[in-house]
Amino acid sequence: MFELHESLRPPRLSIDLSQDISPYILTLRDKPDMSPQDLPENMILVSRYLPWRIHISPCSVRDMVVALYTALRTRVTNEEMKTVGGKNVMKAFSKRVERVGEEERRKGVRRVDFLLGYTRFLGIEPSTDESGVWKICLTPLS
C-alpha cells in the first residue's frame, strides 16, 4: 500500500481554494522530503461535493496542490449547470464573487463553486471504497 506524504495528510494544509493560491504556493517549496516517491504517479481525487473526478499526475506536493486548484478553476458549461448545478451552486458562486469583484463574476461559475463553501483544503486521504482514489478533505471557511 502506498504511504501518503505527511504534508498531504489532513490537517497539515489550510488553503482557501476559492482564492488565488499563488502566495501560499510560494511557501510550498519542493524540499527533499517532498519528492516524487512521496506521491503516487497518477492520482484520482474525489469529493462528495463534486460530480467530477480530478485526474492528476503530480511530481511534488506543490504540483498536486496546483493541479487541484487549476481543476477547480475550470469554467462550468451551461450543460453541466443544467444537469448537476443548482441553486446552492449559484449561491456559492454569488458569495465567492462578492468577495473578489465584478471581473470574477463575468468569468462565470467555476467548479470550485460546487464545493458549496467547503473551500478550505486540508489535505487528502485514501478512499476506503476504491484503490488509487483519494478523497479531498475540505471544511467550510467560517
N, C-alpha and C. Protein backbone atom coordinates (compact mmCIF):
# COMPACT_ATOMS: atom_id res chain seq x y z
N MET A 1 0.84 -1.19 0.00
CA MET A 1 0.00 0.00 0.00
C MET A 1 0.88 1.24 0.00
N PHE A 2 0.44 2.24 -0.71
CA PHE A 2 1.18 3.50 -0.84
C PHE A 2 1.05 4.31 0.45
N GLU A 3 2.15 4.85 0.93
CA GLU A 3 2.16 5.70 2.13
C GLU A 3 2.17 7.16 1.68
N LEU A 4 1.10 7.87 1.95
CA LEU A 4 0.95 9.26 1.53
C LEU A 4 1.92 10.17 2.27
N HIS A 5 2.48 11.12 1.53
CA HIS A 5 3.39 12.10 2.13
C HIS A 5 2.69 12.83 3.27
N GLU A 6 3.38 12.99 4.39
CA GLU A 6 2.78 13.60 5.57
C GLU A 6 2.25 15.01 5.32
N SER A 7 2.83 15.75 4.38
CA SER A 7 2.36 17.11 4.10
C SER A 7 0.96 17.13 3.51
N LEU A 8 0.51 16.01 2.97
CA LEU A 8 -0.83 15.96 2.36
C LEU A 8 -1.87 15.32 3.27
N ARG A 9 -1.43 14.84 4.44
CA ARG A 9 -2.39 14.24 5.37
C ARG A 9 -3.11 15.34 6.13
N PRO A 10 -4.44 15.25 6.22
CA PRO A 10 -5.17 16.27 6.97
C PRO A 10 -4.74 16.25 8.43
N PRO A 11 -4.71 17.33 9.13
CA PRO A 11 -4.98 18.69 8.69
C PRO A 11 -3.70 19.50 8.48
N ARG A 12 -2.75 18.99 7.76
CA ARG A 12 -1.46 19.66 7.55
C ARG A 12 -1.59 20.96 6.78
N LEU A 13 -2.50 21.00 5.83
CA LEU A 13 -2.66 22.17 4.98
C LEU A 13 -3.90 22.96 5.40
N SER A 14 -3.95 24.21 5.01
CA SER A 14 -5.14 25.04 5.21
C SER A 14 -5.13 26.10 4.12
N ILE A 15 -5.67 25.74 2.96
CA ILE A 15 -5.63 26.60 1.78
C ILE A 15 -7.05 26.88 1.32
N ASP A 16 -7.39 28.16 1.13
CA ASP A 16 -8.70 28.52 0.60
C ASP A 16 -8.65 28.37 -0.92
N LEU A 17 -9.29 27.34 -1.42
CA LEU A 17 -9.27 27.06 -2.86
C LEU A 17 -10.14 28.00 -3.67
N SER A 18 -10.91 28.85 -3.01
CA SER A 18 -11.74 29.81 -3.74
C SER A 18 -10.98 31.10 -4.06
N GLN A 19 -9.79 31.24 -3.49
CA GLN A 19 -8.97 32.44 -3.69
C GLN A 19 -7.69 32.07 -4.44
N ASP A 20 -7.01 33.09 -4.92
CA ASP A 20 -5.72 32.89 -5.58
C ASP A 20 -4.75 32.23 -4.59
N ILE A 21 -4.16 31.13 -4.99
CA ILE A 21 -3.27 30.41 -4.07
C ILE A 21 -1.80 30.72 -4.32
N SER A 22 -1.50 31.63 -5.23
CA SER A 22 -0.10 31.94 -5.54
C SER A 22 0.75 32.26 -4.31
N PRO A 23 0.27 33.11 -3.39
CA PRO A 23 1.10 33.41 -2.21
C PRO A 23 1.40 32.16 -1.38
N TYR A 24 0.43 31.27 -1.26
CA TYR A 24 0.66 30.06 -0.48
C TYR A 24 1.62 29.11 -1.19
N ILE A 25 1.46 28.97 -2.49
CA ILE A 25 2.29 28.03 -3.26
C ILE A 25 3.77 28.37 -3.11
N LEU A 26 4.07 29.65 -3.02
CA LEU A 26 5.47 30.05 -2.85
C LEU A 26 6.07 29.50 -1.57
N THR A 27 5.25 29.23 -0.57
CA THR A 27 5.75 28.68 0.69
C THR A 27 5.90 27.16 0.64
N LEU A 28 5.33 26.52 -0.38
CA LEU A 28 5.42 25.07 -0.52
C LEU A 28 6.63 24.72 -1.38
N ARG A 29 7.78 24.93 -0.85
CA ARG A 29 8.99 24.61 -1.61
C ARG A 29 9.09 23.10 -1.75
N ASP A 30 9.65 22.68 -2.85
CA ASP A 30 9.83 21.24 -3.08
C ASP A 30 11.14 20.80 -2.46
N LYS A 31 11.10 20.63 -1.16
CA LYS A 31 12.27 20.17 -0.42
C LYS A 31 12.46 18.67 -0.67
N PRO A 32 13.61 18.13 -0.31
CA PRO A 32 13.81 16.69 -0.50
C PRO A 32 12.73 15.83 0.14
N ASP A 33 12.14 16.29 1.26
CA ASP A 33 11.10 15.47 1.89
C ASP A 33 9.77 15.55 1.15
N MET A 34 9.73 16.35 0.09
CA MET A 34 8.54 16.43 -0.75
C MET A 34 8.90 15.99 -2.15
N SER A 35 9.34 14.79 -2.27
CA SER A 35 9.87 14.31 -3.54
C SER A 35 8.87 13.39 -4.24
N PRO A 36 9.13 13.08 -5.51
CA PRO A 36 8.21 12.25 -6.29
C PRO A 36 7.86 10.91 -5.65
N GLN A 37 8.78 10.29 -4.93
CA GLN A 37 8.45 8.99 -4.34
C GLN A 37 7.40 9.11 -3.23
N ASP A 38 7.12 10.34 -2.79
CA ASP A 38 6.12 10.55 -1.76
C ASP A 38 4.71 10.73 -2.32
N LEU A 39 4.59 10.69 -3.63
CA LEU A 39 3.28 10.83 -4.28
C LEU A 39 3.10 9.71 -5.29
N PRO A 40 1.86 9.23 -5.44
CA PRO A 40 1.63 8.24 -6.49
C PRO A 40 1.84 8.87 -7.86
N GLU A 41 2.16 8.05 -8.85
CA GLU A 41 2.41 8.56 -10.20
C GLU A 41 1.15 9.19 -10.79
N ASN A 42 0.03 8.56 -10.58
CA ASN A 42 -1.26 9.08 -11.05
C ASN A 42 -2.23 9.09 -9.88
N MET A 43 -3.00 10.15 -9.78
CA MET A 43 -3.95 10.26 -8.68
C MET A 43 -5.33 10.61 -9.24
N ILE A 44 -6.34 10.05 -8.60
CA ILE A 44 -7.72 10.42 -8.88
C ILE A 44 -8.25 11.02 -7.59
N LEU A 45 -8.62 12.30 -7.66
CA LEU A 45 -9.14 12.99 -6.49
C LEU A 45 -10.65 13.10 -6.60
N VAL A 46 -11.34 12.86 -5.48
CA VAL A 46 -12.80 12.94 -5.46
C VAL A 46 -13.26 13.72 -4.24
N SER A 47 -14.46 14.26 -4.36
CA SER A 47 -15.11 14.92 -3.24
C SER A 47 -16.60 14.66 -3.35
N ARG A 48 -17.25 14.52 -2.23
CA ARG A 48 -18.70 14.30 -2.27
C ARG A 48 -19.44 15.50 -2.84
N TYR A 49 -18.78 16.64 -2.91
CA TYR A 49 -19.40 17.85 -3.45
C TYR A 49 -19.25 17.96 -4.97
N LEU A 50 -18.33 17.21 -5.54
CA LEU A 50 -18.03 17.35 -6.97
C LEU A 50 -18.58 16.18 -7.77
N PRO A 51 -19.27 16.46 -8.87
CA PRO A 51 -19.73 15.37 -9.73
C PRO A 51 -18.63 14.87 -10.67
N TRP A 52 -17.45 15.48 -10.59
CA TRP A 52 -16.33 15.10 -11.45
C TRP A 52 -15.23 14.46 -10.63
N ARG A 53 -14.44 13.62 -11.30
CA ARG A 53 -13.20 13.10 -10.73
C ARG A 53 -12.08 13.95 -11.30
N ILE A 54 -11.09 14.21 -10.49
CA ILE A 54 -9.96 15.02 -10.94
C ILE A 54 -8.76 14.10 -11.09
N HIS A 55 -8.26 13.97 -12.32
CA HIS A 55 -7.12 13.11 -12.63
C HIS A 55 -5.87 13.97 -12.73
N ILE A 56 -4.86 13.64 -11.92
CA ILE A 56 -3.61 14.40 -11.96
C ILE A 56 -2.42 13.46 -11.90
N SER A 57 -1.28 13.96 -12.34
CA SER A 57 -0.01 13.23 -12.28
C SER A 57 1.04 14.13 -11.63
N PRO A 58 1.00 14.26 -10.32
CA PRO A 58 1.90 15.19 -9.65
C PRO A 58 3.31 14.65 -9.52
N CYS A 59 4.27 15.56 -9.50
CA CYS A 59 5.67 15.20 -9.23
C CYS A 59 6.07 15.64 -7.83
N SER A 60 5.26 16.50 -7.22
CA SER A 60 5.57 17.01 -5.89
C SER A 60 4.26 17.41 -5.20
N VAL A 61 4.36 17.71 -3.93
CA VAL A 61 3.21 18.19 -3.18
C VAL A 61 2.70 19.49 -3.81
N ARG A 62 3.62 20.37 -4.17
CA ARG A 62 3.24 21.63 -4.82
C ARG A 62 2.46 21.35 -6.11
N ASP A 63 2.95 20.41 -6.93
CA ASP A 63 2.26 20.06 -8.18
C ASP A 63 0.83 19.59 -7.91
N MET A 64 0.67 18.79 -6.87
CA MET A 64 -0.65 18.25 -6.55
C MET A 64 -1.60 19.38 -6.16
N VAL A 65 -1.15 20.30 -5.32
CA VAL A 65 -2.00 21.41 -4.88
C VAL A 65 -2.35 22.31 -6.07
N VAL A 66 -1.38 22.62 -6.90
CA VAL A 66 -1.62 23.47 -8.08
C VAL A 66 -2.58 22.77 -9.05
N ALA A 67 -2.41 21.48 -9.27
CA ALA A 67 -3.29 20.75 -10.19
C ALA A 67 -4.73 20.73 -9.67
N LEU A 68 -4.90 20.54 -8.38
CA LEU A 68 -6.24 20.57 -7.79
C LEU A 68 -6.86 21.95 -7.96
N TYR A 69 -6.11 22.98 -7.62
CA TYR A 69 -6.60 24.36 -7.75
C TYR A 69 -6.99 24.66 -9.20
N THR A 70 -6.13 24.28 -10.13
CA THR A 70 -6.38 24.53 -11.55
C THR A 70 -7.64 23.80 -12.02
N ALA A 71 -7.81 22.56 -11.59
CA ALA A 71 -9.01 21.80 -11.97
C ALA A 71 -10.27 22.48 -11.44
N LEU A 72 -10.19 23.03 -10.24
CA LEU A 72 -11.36 23.68 -9.65
C LEU A 72 -11.65 25.05 -10.26
N ARG A 73 -10.68 25.61 -10.97
CA ARG A 73 -10.88 26.89 -11.65
C ARG A 73 -11.50 26.70 -13.04
N THR A 74 -11.73 25.47 -13.46
CA THR A 74 -12.34 25.19 -14.76
C THR A 74 -13.76 25.76 -14.78
N ARG A 75 -14.06 26.45 -15.85
CA ARG A 75 -15.39 27.03 -16.01
C ARG A 75 -16.41 25.93 -16.25
N VAL A 76 -17.56 26.05 -15.62
CA VAL A 76 -18.64 25.09 -15.76
C VAL A 76 -19.45 25.44 -17.00
N THR A 77 -19.75 24.44 -17.82
CA THR A 77 -20.54 24.69 -19.03
C THR A 77 -22.02 24.84 -18.69
N ASN A 78 -22.78 25.40 -19.62
CA ASN A 78 -24.23 25.53 -19.43
C ASN A 78 -24.87 24.16 -19.25
N GLU A 79 -24.40 23.18 -20.03
CA GLU A 79 -24.94 21.82 -19.93
C GLU A 79 -24.66 21.23 -18.54
N GLU A 80 -23.46 21.43 -18.02
CA GLU A 80 -23.14 20.92 -16.68
C GLU A 80 -24.02 21.59 -15.63
N MET A 81 -24.25 22.88 -15.76
CA MET A 81 -25.10 23.58 -14.80
C MET A 81 -26.52 23.03 -14.84
N LYS A 82 -27.00 22.72 -16.04
CA LYS A 82 -28.36 22.19 -16.18
C LYS A 82 -28.48 20.81 -15.54
N THR A 83 -27.45 19.98 -15.70
CA THR A 83 -27.55 18.60 -15.23
C THR A 83 -27.10 18.40 -13.79
N VAL A 84 -26.08 19.12 -13.35
CA VAL A 84 -25.56 18.87 -12.00
C VAL A 84 -25.48 20.12 -11.13
N GLY A 85 -25.76 21.28 -11.69
CA GLY A 85 -25.73 22.52 -10.92
C GLY A 85 -27.02 22.69 -10.14
N GLY A 86 -27.21 23.87 -9.63
CA GLY A 86 -28.45 24.13 -8.90
C GLY A 86 -28.36 25.42 -8.13
N LYS A 87 -29.40 25.67 -7.35
CA LYS A 87 -29.48 26.91 -6.57
C LYS A 87 -28.32 27.06 -5.60
N ASN A 88 -27.94 25.97 -4.96
CA ASN A 88 -26.85 26.05 -3.98
C ASN A 88 -25.53 26.41 -4.64
N VAL A 89 -25.31 25.90 -5.85
CA VAL A 89 -24.09 26.25 -6.59
C VAL A 89 -24.11 27.74 -6.93
N MET A 90 -25.26 28.23 -7.35
CA MET A 90 -25.37 29.66 -7.69
C MET A 90 -25.18 30.53 -6.45
N LYS A 91 -25.66 30.08 -5.29
CA LYS A 91 -25.44 30.82 -4.04
C LYS A 91 -23.95 30.86 -3.71
N ALA A 92 -23.28 29.72 -3.86
CA ALA A 92 -21.84 29.66 -3.58
C ALA A 92 -21.07 30.56 -4.55
N PHE A 93 -21.48 30.56 -5.81
CA PHE A 93 -20.86 31.43 -6.81
C PHE A 93 -21.03 32.89 -6.41
N SER A 94 -22.24 33.29 -6.07
CA SER A 94 -22.51 34.68 -5.69
C SER A 94 -21.68 35.09 -4.49
N LYS A 95 -21.59 34.21 -3.52
CA LYS A 95 -20.81 34.52 -2.31
C LYS A 95 -19.32 34.66 -2.65
N ARG A 96 -18.82 33.77 -3.50
CA ARG A 96 -17.39 33.82 -3.86
C ARG A 96 -17.07 35.10 -4.62
N VAL A 97 -17.87 35.45 -5.61
CA VAL A 97 -17.55 36.63 -6.42
C VAL A 97 -17.82 37.93 -5.67
N GLU A 98 -18.67 37.88 -4.67
CA GLU A 98 -18.92 39.05 -3.83
C GLU A 98 -17.63 39.52 -3.16
N ARG A 99 -16.78 38.56 -2.82
CA ARG A 99 -15.51 38.88 -2.14
C ARG A 99 -14.45 39.40 -3.10
N VAL A 100 -14.53 39.02 -4.37
CA VAL A 100 -13.43 39.34 -5.29
C VAL A 100 -13.78 40.30 -6.41
N GLY A 101 -15.04 40.58 -6.64
CA GLY A 101 -15.38 41.63 -7.59
C GLY A 101 -16.04 41.19 -8.88
N GLU A 102 -16.42 42.21 -9.63
CA GLU A 102 -17.20 42.05 -10.86
C GLU A 102 -16.45 41.28 -11.94
N GLU A 103 -15.15 41.47 -12.03
CA GLU A 103 -14.37 40.76 -13.06
C GLU A 103 -14.53 39.25 -12.91
N GLU A 104 -14.49 38.77 -11.69
CA GLU A 104 -14.65 37.34 -11.43
C GLU A 104 -16.08 36.89 -11.76
N ARG A 105 -17.05 37.72 -11.49
CA ARG A 105 -18.45 37.39 -11.81
C ARG A 105 -18.60 37.16 -13.31
N ARG A 106 -17.96 38.00 -14.11
CA ARG A 106 -18.05 37.87 -15.57
C ARG A 106 -17.43 36.57 -16.08
N LYS A 107 -16.51 36.01 -15.33
CA LYS A 107 -15.86 34.76 -15.73
C LYS A 107 -16.79 33.56 -15.59
N GLY A 108 -17.83 33.70 -14.77
CA GLY A 108 -18.82 32.65 -14.64
C GLY A 108 -18.55 31.65 -13.54
N VAL A 109 -19.46 30.69 -13.45
CA VAL A 109 -19.40 29.64 -12.43
C VAL A 109 -18.21 28.74 -12.71
N ARG A 110 -17.48 28.42 -11.66
CA ARG A 110 -16.32 27.52 -11.74
C ARG A 110 -16.62 26.26 -10.93
N ARG A 111 -15.83 25.26 -11.16
CA ARG A 111 -16.03 24.00 -10.42
C ARG A 111 -15.88 24.20 -8.91
N VAL A 112 -15.07 25.16 -8.51
CA VAL A 112 -14.91 25.43 -7.08
C VAL A 112 -16.24 25.80 -6.43
N ASP A 113 -17.17 26.36 -7.20
CA ASP A 113 -18.47 26.74 -6.65
C ASP A 113 -19.31 25.52 -6.27
N PHE A 114 -19.01 24.37 -6.84
CA PHE A 114 -19.71 23.14 -6.48
C PHE A 114 -19.33 22.65 -5.08
N LEU A 115 -18.27 23.22 -4.52
CA LEU A 115 -17.87 22.85 -3.16
C LEU A 115 -18.80 23.47 -2.11
N LEU A 116 -19.67 24.37 -2.55
CA LEU A 116 -20.71 24.95 -1.69
C LEU A 116 -20.15 25.59 -0.42
N GLY A 117 -19.02 26.29 -0.58
CA GLY A 117 -18.42 26.97 0.56
C GLY A 117 -17.41 26.13 1.32
N TYR A 118 -17.33 24.85 1.03
CA TYR A 118 -16.34 23.97 1.67
C TYR A 118 -15.03 24.09 0.88
N THR A 119 -14.39 25.23 1.00
CA THR A 119 -13.23 25.51 0.14
C THR A 119 -11.90 25.52 0.88
N ARG A 120 -11.90 25.27 2.18
CA ARG A 120 -10.63 25.19 2.90
C ARG A 120 -10.08 23.77 2.74
N PHE A 121 -8.99 23.67 1.98
CA PHE A 121 -8.35 22.39 1.66
C PHE A 121 -7.39 22.02 2.79
N LEU A 122 -7.62 20.85 3.38
CA LEU A 122 -6.79 20.38 4.49
C LEU A 122 -5.80 19.29 4.09
N GLY A 123 -6.05 18.65 2.96
CA GLY A 123 -5.20 17.55 2.51
C GLY A 123 -6.03 16.50 1.79
N ILE A 124 -5.47 15.33 1.65
CA ILE A 124 -6.18 14.22 1.01
C ILE A 124 -6.00 12.97 1.85
N GLU A 125 -6.89 12.02 1.67
CA GLU A 125 -6.77 10.73 2.34
C GLU A 125 -7.24 9.65 1.39
N PRO A 126 -6.70 8.44 1.54
CA PRO A 126 -7.10 7.37 0.62
C PRO A 126 -8.59 7.02 0.78
N SER A 127 -9.21 6.75 -0.34
CA SER A 127 -10.60 6.30 -0.31
C SER A 127 -10.65 4.87 0.22
N THR A 128 -11.63 4.59 1.02
CA THR A 128 -11.80 3.22 1.51
C THR A 128 -12.62 2.40 0.52
N ASP A 129 -13.21 3.08 -0.47
CA ASP A 129 -14.07 2.41 -1.45
C ASP A 129 -13.34 1.93 -2.69
N GLU A 130 -12.30 2.69 -3.11
CA GLU A 130 -11.62 2.39 -4.37
C GLU A 130 -10.12 2.55 -4.23
N SER A 131 -9.39 1.62 -4.76
CA SER A 131 -7.93 1.71 -4.78
C SER A 131 -7.50 2.79 -5.76
N GLY A 132 -6.49 3.56 -5.40
CA GLY A 132 -5.97 4.60 -6.29
C GLY A 132 -6.78 5.88 -6.31
N VAL A 133 -7.80 5.95 -5.47
CA VAL A 133 -8.65 7.14 -5.40
C VAL A 133 -8.41 7.81 -4.05
N TRP A 134 -8.35 9.14 -4.08
CA TRP A 134 -8.04 9.93 -2.89
C TRP A 134 -9.17 10.92 -2.63
N LYS A 135 -9.60 11.00 -1.39
CA LYS A 135 -10.65 11.94 -1.01
C LYS A 135 -10.02 13.29 -0.67
N ILE A 136 -10.62 14.34 -1.21
CA ILE A 136 -10.19 15.70 -0.91
C ILE A 136 -10.82 16.09 0.43
N CYS A 137 -10.01 16.46 1.40
CA CYS A 137 -10.50 16.84 2.72
C CYS A 137 -10.73 18.34 2.77
N LEU A 138 -11.97 18.73 3.00
CA LEU A 138 -12.38 20.13 2.96
C LEU A 138 -13.19 20.49 4.19
N THR A 139 -13.13 21.77 4.56
CA THR A 139 -14.00 22.31 5.59
C THR A 139 -14.51 23.66 5.10
N PRO A 140 -15.59 24.16 5.71
CA PRO A 140 -16.04 25.50 5.33
C PRO A 140 -15.06 26.55 5.84
N LEU A 141 -15.07 27.71 5.20
CA LEU A 141 -14.18 28.78 5.61
C LEU A 141 -14.53 29.33 6.98
N SER A 142 -15.80 29.42 7.28
CA SER A 142 -16.19 30.02 8.56
C SER A 142 -16.63 28.99 9.56
